[in-house]
N, C-alpha and C. Protein backbone atom coordinates (compact mmCIF):
# COMPACT_ATOMS: atom_id res chain seq x y z
N MET A 1 108.05 55.29 75.75
CA MET A 1 107.70 55.91 77.03
C MET A 1 108.04 57.40 76.99
N ARG A 2 107.03 58.24 77.36
CA ARG A 2 107.23 59.68 77.30
C ARG A 2 108.14 60.15 78.43
N GLU A 3 108.98 61.13 78.10
CA GLU A 3 109.83 61.70 79.13
C GLU A 3 109.01 62.58 80.06
N LYS A 4 109.36 62.59 81.33
CA LYS A 4 108.67 63.43 82.29
C LYS A 4 109.05 64.89 82.09
N ILE A 5 108.05 65.76 82.26
CA ILE A 5 108.34 67.19 82.18
C ILE A 5 109.10 67.59 83.45
N PRO A 6 110.23 68.26 83.33
CA PRO A 6 110.99 68.65 84.53
C PRO A 6 110.13 69.50 85.47
N LYS A 7 110.19 69.18 86.74
CA LYS A 7 109.36 69.89 87.72
C LYS A 7 109.76 71.37 87.82
N GLY A 8 111.04 71.63 87.63
CA GLY A 8 111.49 73.02 87.64
C GLY A 8 110.86 73.82 86.52
N LEU A 9 110.72 73.20 85.34
CA LEU A 9 110.11 73.86 84.20
C LEU A 9 108.63 74.15 84.47
N VAL A 10 107.95 73.19 85.09
CA VAL A 10 106.53 73.38 85.44
C VAL A 10 106.38 74.57 86.39
N ALA A 11 107.26 74.65 87.38
CA ALA A 11 107.21 75.76 88.34
C ALA A 11 107.41 77.09 87.63
N ILE A 12 108.37 77.15 86.72
CA ILE A 12 108.65 78.38 85.98
C ILE A 12 107.45 78.78 85.13
N ILE A 13 106.82 77.81 84.46
CA ILE A 13 105.66 78.09 83.61
C ILE A 13 104.51 78.64 84.45
N VAL A 14 104.25 78.01 85.60
CA VAL A 14 103.18 78.48 86.49
C VAL A 14 103.44 79.92 86.93
N ILE A 15 104.65 80.19 87.36
CA ILE A 15 105.00 81.53 87.85
C ILE A 15 104.87 82.57 86.75
N ILE A 16 105.39 82.27 85.57
CA ILE A 16 105.33 83.22 84.46
C ILE A 16 103.89 83.49 84.04
N CYS A 17 103.08 82.43 83.94
CA CYS A 17 101.67 82.59 83.52
C CYS A 17 100.90 83.46 84.51
N VAL A 18 101.08 83.19 85.81
CA VAL A 18 100.39 83.99 86.82
C VAL A 18 100.83 85.45 86.75
N LEU A 19 102.14 85.68 86.64
CA LEU A 19 102.66 87.04 86.59
C LEU A 19 102.14 87.80 85.37
N ILE A 20 102.12 87.14 84.22
CA ILE A 20 101.64 87.81 83.01
C ILE A 20 100.17 88.18 83.13
N LEU A 21 99.34 87.22 83.55
CA LEU A 21 97.90 87.48 83.69
C LEU A 21 97.64 88.56 84.74
N ASP A 22 98.36 88.49 85.84
CA ASP A 22 98.19 89.46 86.91
C ASP A 22 98.56 90.87 86.46
N GLN A 23 99.73 91.02 85.84
CA GLN A 23 100.19 92.34 85.45
C GLN A 23 99.40 92.90 84.27
N VAL A 24 99.02 92.07 83.33
CA VAL A 24 98.21 92.55 82.19
C VAL A 24 96.88 93.08 82.71
N SER A 25 96.24 92.35 83.62
CA SER A 25 94.95 92.80 84.16
C SER A 25 95.10 94.09 84.95
N LYS A 26 96.15 94.21 85.75
CA LYS A 26 96.36 95.41 86.55
C LYS A 26 96.67 96.62 85.67
N ILE A 27 97.54 96.44 84.69
CA ILE A 27 97.90 97.56 83.81
C ILE A 27 96.70 98.02 82.99
N TRP A 28 95.88 97.07 82.52
CA TRP A 28 94.69 97.45 81.76
C TRP A 28 93.75 98.28 82.62
N VAL A 29 93.49 97.80 83.84
CA VAL A 29 92.59 98.53 84.74
C VAL A 29 93.17 99.90 85.07
N LYS A 30 94.46 99.95 85.37
CA LYS A 30 95.12 101.20 85.75
C LYS A 30 95.06 102.24 84.63
N THR A 31 95.16 101.80 83.38
CA THR A 31 95.23 102.73 82.25
C THR A 31 93.90 102.89 81.50
N HIS A 32 92.84 102.24 81.97
CA HIS A 32 91.53 102.36 81.30
C HIS A 32 90.40 102.76 82.24
N MET A 33 90.65 102.73 83.55
CA MET A 33 89.59 103.04 84.50
C MET A 33 90.09 104.05 85.53
N ALA A 34 89.20 104.98 85.90
CA ALA A 34 89.51 105.90 86.99
C ALA A 34 89.26 105.18 88.31
N LEU A 35 89.87 105.68 89.37
CA LEU A 35 89.70 105.06 90.68
C LEU A 35 88.21 105.00 91.05
N TYR A 36 87.78 103.84 91.51
CA TYR A 36 86.40 103.54 91.92
C TYR A 36 85.43 103.35 90.75
N ASP A 37 85.94 103.36 89.53
CA ASP A 37 85.09 103.00 88.40
C ASP A 37 84.73 101.52 88.51
N SER A 38 83.57 101.17 87.97
CA SER A 38 83.09 99.80 88.07
C SER A 38 82.50 99.33 86.75
N ILE A 39 82.81 98.10 86.38
CA ILE A 39 82.22 97.46 85.20
C ILE A 39 81.47 96.23 85.68
N GLU A 40 80.17 96.19 85.44
CA GLU A 40 79.37 95.06 85.90
C GLU A 40 79.41 93.94 84.88
N ILE A 41 79.97 92.80 85.26
CA ILE A 41 80.00 91.63 84.40
C ILE A 41 78.72 90.82 84.59
N THR A 42 78.38 90.55 85.83
CA THR A 42 77.10 89.93 86.21
C THR A 42 76.64 90.61 87.50
N ASN A 43 75.47 90.21 88.01
CA ASN A 43 74.98 90.78 89.26
C ASN A 43 75.91 90.48 90.43
N TRP A 44 76.67 89.38 90.32
CA TRP A 44 77.51 88.96 91.44
C TRP A 44 79.01 89.08 91.14
N PHE A 45 79.37 89.68 90.00
CA PHE A 45 80.78 89.86 89.66
C PHE A 45 80.99 91.19 88.96
N LYS A 46 81.89 91.99 89.53
CA LYS A 46 82.19 93.30 88.96
C LYS A 46 83.69 93.54 88.91
N ILE A 47 84.11 94.31 87.91
CA ILE A 47 85.47 94.84 87.89
C ILE A 47 85.37 96.20 88.56
N TYR A 48 85.93 96.30 89.75
CA TYR A 48 85.80 97.53 90.55
C TYR A 48 87.19 97.98 90.96
N PHE A 49 87.65 99.09 90.40
CA PHE A 49 89.04 99.50 90.56
C PHE A 49 89.28 100.24 91.88
N VAL A 50 90.11 99.64 92.71
CA VAL A 50 90.58 100.30 93.93
C VAL A 50 92.09 100.06 94.05
N GLU A 51 92.72 100.83 94.90
CA GLU A 51 94.14 100.63 95.20
C GLU A 51 94.31 100.54 96.71
N ASN A 52 95.35 99.84 97.13
CA ASN A 52 95.60 99.76 98.57
C ASN A 52 97.08 99.75 98.86
N ASN A 53 97.40 100.17 100.08
CA ASN A 53 98.80 100.21 100.53
C ASN A 53 99.18 98.96 101.30
N GLY A 54 98.19 98.10 101.53
CA GLY A 54 98.42 97.02 102.47
C GLY A 54 98.58 95.66 101.87
N MET A 55 98.10 94.67 102.60
CA MET A 55 98.29 93.28 102.25
C MET A 55 97.14 92.79 101.37
N ALA A 56 97.05 91.48 101.21
CA ALA A 56 96.05 90.90 100.34
C ALA A 56 94.63 91.31 100.74
N PHE A 57 93.75 91.45 99.75
CA PHE A 57 92.35 91.79 99.93
C PHE A 57 92.16 93.18 100.54
N GLY A 58 93.15 94.06 100.34
CA GLY A 58 93.00 95.44 100.79
C GLY A 58 93.20 95.67 102.28
N ILE A 59 93.69 94.67 103.00
CA ILE A 59 93.89 94.82 104.44
C ILE A 59 95.12 95.69 104.68
N GLU A 60 94.97 96.74 105.48
CA GLU A 60 96.09 97.63 105.77
C GLU A 60 96.38 97.60 107.27
N ALA A 61 97.63 97.35 107.63
CA ALA A 61 97.93 97.25 109.05
C ALA A 61 99.27 97.86 109.42
N ILE A 62 100.25 97.85 108.52
CA ILE A 62 101.58 98.32 108.87
C ILE A 62 102.10 99.27 107.80
N GLY A 63 103.24 99.91 108.09
CA GLY A 63 103.79 100.90 107.18
C GLY A 63 104.11 100.33 105.80
N LYS A 64 103.97 101.19 104.78
CA LYS A 64 104.16 100.76 103.40
C LYS A 64 105.59 100.30 103.13
N LEU A 65 106.57 101.06 103.56
CA LEU A 65 107.97 100.68 103.29
C LEU A 65 108.31 99.35 103.95
N PHE A 66 107.90 99.20 105.20
CA PHE A 66 108.16 97.94 105.91
C PHE A 66 107.49 96.78 105.19
N LEU A 67 106.24 97.00 104.75
CA LEU A 67 105.51 95.93 104.06
C LEU A 67 106.19 95.53 102.76
N SER A 68 106.66 96.52 101.99
CA SER A 68 107.33 96.22 100.72
C SER A 68 108.60 95.42 100.95
N ILE A 69 109.39 95.83 101.96
CA ILE A 69 110.63 95.11 102.26
C ILE A 69 110.31 93.70 102.76
N PHE A 70 109.28 93.60 103.61
CA PHE A 70 108.86 92.29 104.12
C PHE A 70 108.47 91.36 102.97
N ARG A 71 107.73 91.89 101.99
CA ARG A 71 107.31 91.09 100.84
C ARG A 71 108.52 90.57 100.06
N ILE A 72 109.49 91.45 99.85
CA ILE A 72 110.68 91.06 99.09
C ILE A 72 111.44 89.94 99.81
N VAL A 73 111.61 90.10 101.13
CA VAL A 73 112.31 89.08 101.93
C VAL A 73 111.53 87.77 101.89
N ALA A 74 110.20 87.87 102.04
CA ALA A 74 109.36 86.66 102.03
C ALA A 74 109.45 85.93 100.70
N VAL A 75 109.42 86.68 99.60
CA VAL A 75 109.52 86.06 98.27
C VAL A 75 110.88 85.39 98.09
N ALA A 76 111.93 86.02 98.62
CA ALA A 76 113.27 85.42 98.53
C ALA A 76 113.30 84.08 99.26
N PHE A 77 112.72 84.03 100.45
CA PHE A 77 112.68 82.78 101.22
C PHE A 77 111.85 81.71 100.50
N ILE A 78 110.69 82.12 99.98
CA ILE A 78 109.84 81.16 99.26
C ILE A 78 110.55 80.64 98.01
N GLY A 79 111.27 81.53 97.33
CA GLY A 79 112.01 81.12 96.14
C GLY A 79 113.08 80.09 96.46
N VAL A 80 113.82 80.31 97.54
CA VAL A 80 114.85 79.36 97.97
C VAL A 80 114.20 78.03 98.35
N TYR A 81 113.08 78.12 99.07
CA TYR A 81 112.36 76.91 99.49
C TYR A 81 111.86 76.13 98.28
N LEU A 82 111.32 76.84 97.30
CA LEU A 82 110.83 76.19 96.07
C LEU A 82 111.96 75.47 95.35
N ALA A 83 113.11 76.11 95.24
CA ALA A 83 114.26 75.50 94.58
C ALA A 83 114.67 74.21 95.29
N LYS A 84 114.60 74.21 96.61
CA LYS A 84 115.00 73.03 97.39
C LYS A 84 114.03 71.87 97.22
N ILE A 85 112.72 72.16 97.22
CA ILE A 85 111.76 71.05 97.09
C ILE A 85 111.76 70.50 95.66
N ILE A 86 112.11 71.34 94.69
CA ILE A 86 112.25 70.84 93.31
C ILE A 86 113.45 69.90 93.24
N LYS A 87 114.54 70.31 93.85
CA LYS A 87 115.76 69.51 93.85
C LYS A 87 115.54 68.17 94.55
N LYS A 88 114.70 68.18 95.60
CA LYS A 88 114.45 66.96 96.36
C LYS A 88 113.30 66.14 95.78
N ASP A 89 112.80 66.58 94.63
CA ASP A 89 111.82 65.82 93.86
C ASP A 89 110.50 65.57 94.60
N TYR A 90 109.96 66.64 95.18
CA TYR A 90 108.64 66.53 95.81
C TYR A 90 107.56 66.41 94.72
N LYS A 91 106.34 66.10 95.14
CA LYS A 91 105.25 65.86 94.21
C LYS A 91 104.93 67.11 93.37
N PHE A 92 104.44 66.87 92.15
CA PHE A 92 104.09 67.96 91.24
C PHE A 92 103.10 68.93 91.89
N GLY A 93 102.05 68.36 92.49
CA GLY A 93 101.00 69.20 93.07
C GLY A 93 101.53 70.13 94.14
N PHE A 94 102.42 69.62 94.97
CA PHE A 94 103.01 70.42 96.04
C PHE A 94 103.87 71.55 95.47
N ILE A 95 104.65 71.23 94.46
CA ILE A 95 105.50 72.23 93.82
C ILE A 95 104.66 73.31 93.15
N ILE A 96 103.55 72.91 92.51
CA ILE A 96 102.67 73.88 91.86
C ILE A 96 102.05 74.83 92.89
N CYS A 97 101.65 74.29 94.04
CA CYS A 97 101.07 75.12 95.09
C CYS A 97 102.06 76.18 95.57
N ILE A 98 103.29 75.78 95.84
CA ILE A 98 104.31 76.73 96.29
C ILE A 98 104.60 77.74 95.18
N SER A 99 104.57 77.30 93.93
CA SER A 99 104.78 78.21 92.80
C SER A 99 103.68 79.26 92.72
N LEU A 100 102.44 78.84 92.98
CA LEU A 100 101.31 79.78 92.98
C LEU A 100 101.47 80.84 94.07
N VAL A 101 101.89 80.41 95.25
CA VAL A 101 102.11 81.35 96.35
C VAL A 101 103.23 82.33 96.00
N LEU A 102 104.32 81.80 95.47
CA LEU A 102 105.46 82.64 95.09
C LEU A 102 105.06 83.64 94.01
N ALA A 103 104.36 83.17 92.98
CA ALA A 103 103.95 84.05 91.88
C ALA A 103 103.03 85.16 92.37
N GLY A 104 102.07 84.81 93.24
CA GLY A 104 101.15 85.81 93.76
C GLY A 104 101.86 86.88 94.58
N ALA A 105 102.76 86.43 95.45
CA ALA A 105 103.51 87.38 96.27
C ALA A 105 104.37 88.28 95.40
N PHE A 106 105.01 87.70 94.39
CA PHE A 106 105.87 88.48 93.50
C PHE A 106 105.04 89.46 92.66
N GLY A 107 103.83 89.05 92.27
CA GLY A 107 102.97 89.93 91.49
C GLY A 107 102.64 91.21 92.22
N ASN A 108 102.34 91.12 93.51
CA ASN A 108 102.04 92.31 94.30
C ASN A 108 103.29 93.13 94.61
N ILE A 109 104.44 92.46 94.65
CA ILE A 109 105.69 93.19 94.84
C ILE A 109 105.95 94.12 93.67
N ILE A 110 105.64 93.68 92.47
CA ILE A 110 105.85 94.51 91.27
C ILE A 110 105.10 95.82 91.41
N ASP A 111 103.85 95.76 91.86
CA ASP A 111 103.07 96.99 92.08
C ASP A 111 103.76 97.89 93.09
N SER A 112 104.14 97.29 94.24
CA SER A 112 104.73 98.07 95.32
C SER A 112 106.05 98.73 94.92
N VAL A 113 106.87 98.00 94.19
CA VAL A 113 108.20 98.51 93.85
C VAL A 113 108.15 99.50 92.70
N PHE A 114 107.40 99.20 91.65
CA PHE A 114 107.51 99.95 90.40
C PHE A 114 106.37 100.93 90.09
N TYR A 115 105.15 100.62 90.48
CA TYR A 115 104.01 101.41 90.00
C TYR A 115 104.08 102.88 90.38
N GLY A 116 104.60 103.19 91.58
CA GLY A 116 104.71 104.58 92.00
C GLY A 116 105.64 105.39 91.12
N GLU A 117 106.59 104.70 90.48
CA GLU A 117 107.59 105.38 89.64
C GLU A 117 107.15 105.52 88.18
N ILE A 118 106.28 104.64 87.70
CA ILE A 118 106.00 104.61 86.26
C ILE A 118 104.57 105.01 85.88
N PHE A 119 103.71 105.27 86.88
CA PHE A 119 102.33 105.69 86.60
C PHE A 119 102.02 107.02 87.26
N THR A 120 101.13 107.79 86.63
CA THR A 120 100.56 108.94 87.32
C THR A 120 99.52 108.41 88.30
N ALA A 121 99.08 109.26 89.20
CA ALA A 121 98.12 108.83 90.22
C ALA A 121 96.75 108.56 89.62
N SER A 122 96.07 107.58 90.20
CA SER A 122 94.67 107.31 89.84
C SER A 122 93.79 107.96 90.90
N TYR A 123 92.74 108.64 90.45
CA TYR A 123 91.76 109.19 91.37
C TYR A 123 90.43 109.31 90.65
N PRO A 124 89.34 109.50 91.36
CA PRO A 124 88.03 109.54 90.70
C PRO A 124 87.97 110.56 89.57
N GLY A 125 87.52 110.10 88.42
CA GLY A 125 87.41 110.98 87.26
C GLY A 125 88.68 111.12 86.44
N HIS A 126 89.76 110.47 86.87
CA HIS A 126 91.05 110.58 86.16
C HIS A 126 91.66 109.21 85.95
N VAL A 127 91.97 108.90 84.69
CA VAL A 127 92.63 107.64 84.35
C VAL A 127 94.13 107.84 84.29
N ALA A 128 94.88 106.98 84.95
CA ALA A 128 96.34 107.11 85.00
C ALA A 128 96.97 106.72 83.67
N HIS A 129 98.22 107.12 83.49
CA HIS A 129 98.97 106.73 82.30
C HIS A 129 100.44 106.55 82.65
N PHE A 130 101.16 105.89 81.74
CA PHE A 130 102.59 105.68 81.94
C PHE A 130 103.34 107.01 81.86
N VAL A 131 104.42 107.12 82.65
CA VAL A 131 105.31 108.27 82.60
C VAL A 131 106.74 107.77 82.68
N PRO A 132 107.72 108.60 82.30
CA PRO A 132 109.13 108.19 82.45
C PRO A 132 109.43 107.90 83.92
N ILE A 133 110.36 106.97 84.15
CA ILE A 133 110.72 106.59 85.51
C ILE A 133 111.13 107.82 86.32
N GLY A 134 110.57 107.95 87.48
CA GLY A 134 110.88 109.07 88.35
C GLY A 134 109.83 110.17 88.32
N GLU A 135 108.89 110.10 87.38
CA GLU A 135 107.86 111.13 87.27
C GLU A 135 106.49 110.63 87.72
N GLY A 136 106.48 109.50 88.39
CA GLY A 136 105.22 108.92 88.83
C GLY A 136 104.67 109.54 90.10
N TYR A 137 103.63 108.92 90.64
CA TYR A 137 102.92 109.48 91.79
C TYR A 137 103.62 109.22 93.12
N SER A 138 104.66 108.35 93.12
CA SER A 138 105.36 108.06 94.37
C SER A 138 106.78 107.59 94.06
N SER A 139 107.45 107.05 95.06
CA SER A 139 108.84 106.61 94.90
C SER A 139 108.93 105.09 94.92
N TRP A 140 110.15 104.59 94.71
CA TRP A 140 110.37 103.15 94.77
C TRP A 140 109.88 102.58 96.09
N LEU A 141 109.28 101.41 96.04
CA LEU A 141 108.79 100.67 97.21
C LEU A 141 107.54 101.28 97.84
N HIS A 142 107.01 102.35 97.25
CA HIS A 142 105.84 103.00 97.83
C HIS A 142 104.63 102.98 96.88
N GLY A 143 104.68 102.13 95.86
CA GLY A 143 103.56 102.03 94.94
C GLY A 143 102.35 101.37 95.58
N LYS A 144 101.17 101.68 95.06
CA LYS A 144 99.93 101.08 95.57
C LYS A 144 99.58 99.83 94.75
N VAL A 145 99.02 98.85 95.42
CA VAL A 145 98.63 97.60 94.76
C VAL A 145 97.26 97.77 94.12
N VAL A 146 97.13 97.36 92.87
CA VAL A 146 95.88 97.48 92.12
C VAL A 146 94.99 96.27 92.39
N ASP A 147 93.76 96.53 92.81
CA ASP A 147 92.77 95.47 93.01
C ASP A 147 91.56 95.76 92.13
N MET A 148 90.88 94.69 91.71
CA MET A 148 89.74 94.92 90.81
C MET A 148 88.66 93.84 90.82
N LEU A 149 88.91 92.70 91.39
CA LEU A 149 87.95 91.59 91.35
C LEU A 149 87.01 91.70 92.54
N TYR A 150 85.73 91.84 92.25
CA TYR A 150 84.74 92.10 93.30
C TYR A 150 83.55 91.17 93.09
N PHE A 151 83.25 90.38 94.12
CA PHE A 151 82.17 89.39 94.03
C PHE A 151 81.11 89.62 95.12
N PRO A 152 80.23 90.61 94.93
CA PRO A 152 79.14 90.82 95.91
C PRO A 152 78.04 89.78 95.72
N ILE A 153 78.34 88.54 96.07
CA ILE A 153 77.44 87.41 95.82
C ILE A 153 76.10 87.60 96.51
N ILE A 154 76.14 88.07 97.76
CA ILE A 154 74.91 88.35 98.50
C ILE A 154 74.94 89.82 98.91
N GLU A 155 73.96 90.57 98.47
CA GLU A 155 73.88 91.99 98.80
C GLU A 155 72.42 92.30 99.12
N THR A 156 72.12 92.39 100.42
CA THR A 156 70.73 92.55 100.84
C THR A 156 70.67 93.25 102.19
N THR A 157 69.46 93.49 102.65
CA THR A 157 69.24 94.07 103.98
C THR A 157 68.57 93.02 104.85
N LEU A 158 69.11 92.80 106.03
CA LEU A 158 68.56 91.79 106.92
C LEU A 158 67.18 92.21 107.43
N PRO A 159 66.27 91.27 107.57
CA PRO A 159 64.92 91.58 108.09
C PRO A 159 64.98 92.23 109.47
N SER A 160 64.03 93.08 109.76
CA SER A 160 64.02 93.81 111.03
C SER A 160 63.90 92.91 112.24
N TRP A 161 63.36 91.69 112.04
CA TRP A 161 63.18 90.80 113.18
C TRP A 161 64.46 90.05 113.59
N VAL A 162 65.52 90.17 112.80
CA VAL A 162 66.78 89.51 113.15
C VAL A 162 67.40 90.22 114.35
N PRO A 163 67.70 89.48 115.44
CA PRO A 163 68.28 90.11 116.63
C PRO A 163 69.59 90.84 116.34
N ILE A 164 69.77 91.99 116.92
CA ILE A 164 70.99 92.82 116.88
C ILE A 164 71.24 93.41 115.50
N PHE A 165 71.26 92.56 114.44
CA PHE A 165 71.64 93.01 113.11
C PHE A 165 70.45 93.34 112.21
N GLY A 166 69.25 93.28 112.73
CA GLY A 166 68.07 93.54 111.93
C GLY A 166 68.08 94.92 111.29
N GLY A 167 67.75 94.98 110.00
CA GLY A 167 67.72 96.24 109.26
C GLY A 167 69.06 96.68 108.72
N LYS A 168 70.13 95.95 109.04
CA LYS A 168 71.46 96.32 108.57
C LYS A 168 71.79 95.62 107.25
N GLU A 169 72.72 96.22 106.51
CA GLU A 169 73.12 95.68 105.21
C GLU A 169 73.96 94.42 105.38
N LEU A 170 73.70 93.43 104.55
CA LEU A 170 74.51 92.21 104.51
C LEU A 170 75.17 92.13 103.15
N LEU A 171 76.49 92.11 103.15
CA LEU A 171 77.24 92.03 101.90
C LEU A 171 78.26 90.91 101.99
N PHE A 172 78.14 89.94 101.09
CA PHE A 172 79.09 88.84 101.02
C PHE A 172 79.36 88.56 99.52
N PHE A 173 80.48 88.72 99.06
CA PHE A 173 81.81 88.81 99.64
C PHE A 173 82.28 90.25 99.44
N ARG A 174 82.68 90.99 100.49
CA ARG A 174 82.94 92.41 100.35
C ARG A 174 84.38 92.74 99.96
N PHE A 175 85.30 91.77 100.05
CA PHE A 175 86.69 92.05 99.72
C PHE A 175 86.88 92.26 98.21
N ILE A 176 87.80 93.15 97.86
CA ILE A 176 88.19 93.38 96.47
C ILE A 176 89.65 92.97 96.35
N PHE A 177 89.97 92.16 95.35
CA PHE A 177 91.31 91.59 95.28
C PHE A 177 91.77 91.53 93.83
N ASN A 178 92.91 90.89 93.60
CA ASN A 178 93.47 90.77 92.26
C ASN A 178 93.89 89.32 92.00
N LEU A 179 94.42 89.07 90.82
CA LEU A 179 94.81 87.70 90.47
C LEU A 179 95.97 87.20 91.31
N ALA A 180 96.85 88.10 91.73
CA ALA A 180 97.97 87.70 92.59
C ALA A 180 97.44 87.20 93.93
N ASP A 181 96.48 87.93 94.50
CA ASP A 181 95.86 87.49 95.75
C ASP A 181 95.20 86.12 95.57
N SER A 182 94.51 85.96 94.43
CA SER A 182 93.83 84.68 94.15
C SER A 182 94.83 83.54 94.06
N SER A 183 95.96 83.80 93.43
CA SER A 183 97.00 82.78 93.28
C SER A 183 97.51 82.34 94.65
N ILE A 184 97.74 83.30 95.55
CA ILE A 184 98.20 82.97 96.90
C ILE A 184 97.13 82.16 97.63
N SER A 185 95.89 82.62 97.55
CA SER A 185 94.79 81.96 98.27
C SER A 185 94.57 80.53 97.79
N VAL A 186 94.58 80.34 96.47
CA VAL A 186 94.38 79.00 95.91
C VAL A 186 95.53 78.09 96.31
N GLY A 187 96.76 78.60 96.19
CA GLY A 187 97.93 77.79 96.57
C GLY A 187 97.88 77.37 98.03
N VAL A 188 97.58 78.32 98.92
CA VAL A 188 97.52 78.02 100.35
C VAL A 188 96.38 77.06 100.67
N ALA A 189 95.22 77.29 100.04
CA ALA A 189 94.05 76.43 100.30
C ALA A 189 94.33 74.97 99.92
N ILE A 190 94.94 74.78 98.75
CA ILE A 190 95.25 73.41 98.31
C ILE A 190 96.32 72.78 99.20
N LEU A 191 97.29 73.59 99.62
CA LEU A 191 98.31 73.08 100.55
C LEU A 191 97.67 72.57 101.84
N LEU A 192 96.76 73.36 102.39
CA LEU A 192 96.14 72.98 103.66
C LEU A 192 95.20 71.79 103.50
N LEU A 193 94.56 71.69 102.35
CA LEU A 193 93.61 70.60 102.14
C LEU A 193 94.28 69.27 101.80
N PHE A 194 95.33 69.33 100.98
CA PHE A 194 95.90 68.09 100.44
C PHE A 194 97.37 67.84 100.77
N TYR A 195 98.09 68.88 101.20
CA TYR A 195 99.54 68.70 101.37
C TYR A 195 100.04 69.17 102.74
N ARG A 196 99.17 69.13 103.74
CA ARG A 196 99.62 69.57 105.07
C ARG A 196 100.78 68.75 105.59
N LYS A 197 100.69 67.43 105.44
CA LYS A 197 101.75 66.56 105.94
C LYS A 197 103.05 66.78 105.16
N THR A 198 102.91 66.95 103.85
CA THR A 198 104.09 67.19 103.01
C THR A 198 104.75 68.50 103.40
N LEU A 199 103.94 69.54 103.60
CA LEU A 199 104.46 70.85 103.99
C LEU A 199 105.15 70.76 105.35
N SER A 200 104.49 70.10 106.30
CA SER A 200 105.07 69.96 107.64
C SER A 200 106.38 69.18 107.60
N HIS A 201 106.40 68.11 106.82
CA HIS A 201 107.62 67.30 106.71
C HIS A 201 108.76 68.10 106.07
N SER A 202 108.45 68.85 105.01
CA SER A 202 109.50 69.60 104.33
C SER A 202 110.08 70.69 105.23
N LEU A 203 109.20 71.38 105.98
CA LEU A 203 109.66 72.45 106.87
C LEU A 203 110.46 71.87 108.04
N GLN A 204 110.01 70.72 108.54
CA GLN A 204 110.74 70.06 109.64
C GLN A 204 112.11 69.60 109.18
N THR A 205 112.18 69.08 107.96
CA THR A 205 113.45 68.64 107.40
C THR A 205 114.42 69.80 107.27
N GLU A 206 113.91 70.95 106.79
CA GLU A 206 114.76 72.13 106.64
C GLU A 206 115.24 72.63 108.00
N ALA A 207 114.34 72.61 108.99
CA ALA A 207 114.71 73.07 110.33
C ALA A 207 115.79 72.18 110.92
N GLU A 208 115.66 70.88 110.73
CA GLU A 208 116.67 69.95 111.25
C GLU A 208 118.01 70.13 110.55
N ARG A 209 117.94 70.40 109.25
CA ARG A 209 119.18 70.59 108.49
C ARG A 209 119.91 71.84 108.98
N HIS A 210 119.17 72.93 109.18
CA HIS A 210 119.80 74.16 109.67
C HIS A 210 120.34 73.97 111.08
N LYS A 211 119.64 73.18 111.89
CA LYS A 211 120.10 72.91 113.25
C LYS A 211 121.40 72.14 113.23
N SER A 212 121.50 71.16 112.32
CA SER A 212 122.73 70.37 112.19
C SER A 212 123.89 71.24 111.74
N ILE A 213 123.61 72.15 110.79
CA ILE A 213 124.67 73.04 110.30
C ILE A 213 125.17 73.95 111.40
N SER A 214 124.21 74.44 112.25
CA SER A 214 124.57 75.32 113.35
C SER A 214 125.47 74.60 114.35
N LYS A 215 125.14 73.35 114.63
CA LYS A 215 125.96 72.58 115.57
C LYS A 215 127.36 72.34 115.03
N MET A 216 127.44 72.09 113.72
CA MET A 216 128.74 71.88 113.11
C MET A 216 129.62 73.12 113.16
N ASN A 217 128.98 74.29 113.13
CA ASN A 217 129.73 75.54 113.12
C ASN A 217 130.08 76.04 114.52
N GLU A 218 129.54 75.35 115.54
CA GLU A 218 129.86 75.78 116.91
C GLU A 218 131.29 75.42 117.30
């Protein structure tokens, strides 16, 4: 009878693989393409280099420093949660999903924390390169996140007879993202589709445990 692979080891492998693929792709794009350069793979898939200060898929809403600190705190909480569900022997699939979310969040944190310190700025017509720490385009926690995956699956102009939107451009999918964003999205999607009850039960259990501890300390 074969021994079971430790669930903690599976989680570590998933996290490391996602981080390596994410960072290798970002560093290659950052050091080989100028900002807004594009490489057409197919009509519906392009490598299109952009940077953003905000959240997944280029959404910007709050200050950069606050966002970087929020990401670090969120990753710490997810890491603690992952360690607990591994210890409590939850299902492999559930652990892998949480690992994907953690890896994706951590991948974007690396950009935010380090890239401003170790890269020159990227801008149209100029390819960035590595520099000694402290000589980069920004400071710690203020780096920009590298995005490059672009899937303009539908790119057309709506017929003039379409009410309200007639004659306007239709572009689907317009978001540009990276492998870290994909890892988060895939992990969350699978959680919602197949592990909603497991997620709800685990969070409820943790909430009850903290409530019991609080009562004991009163």
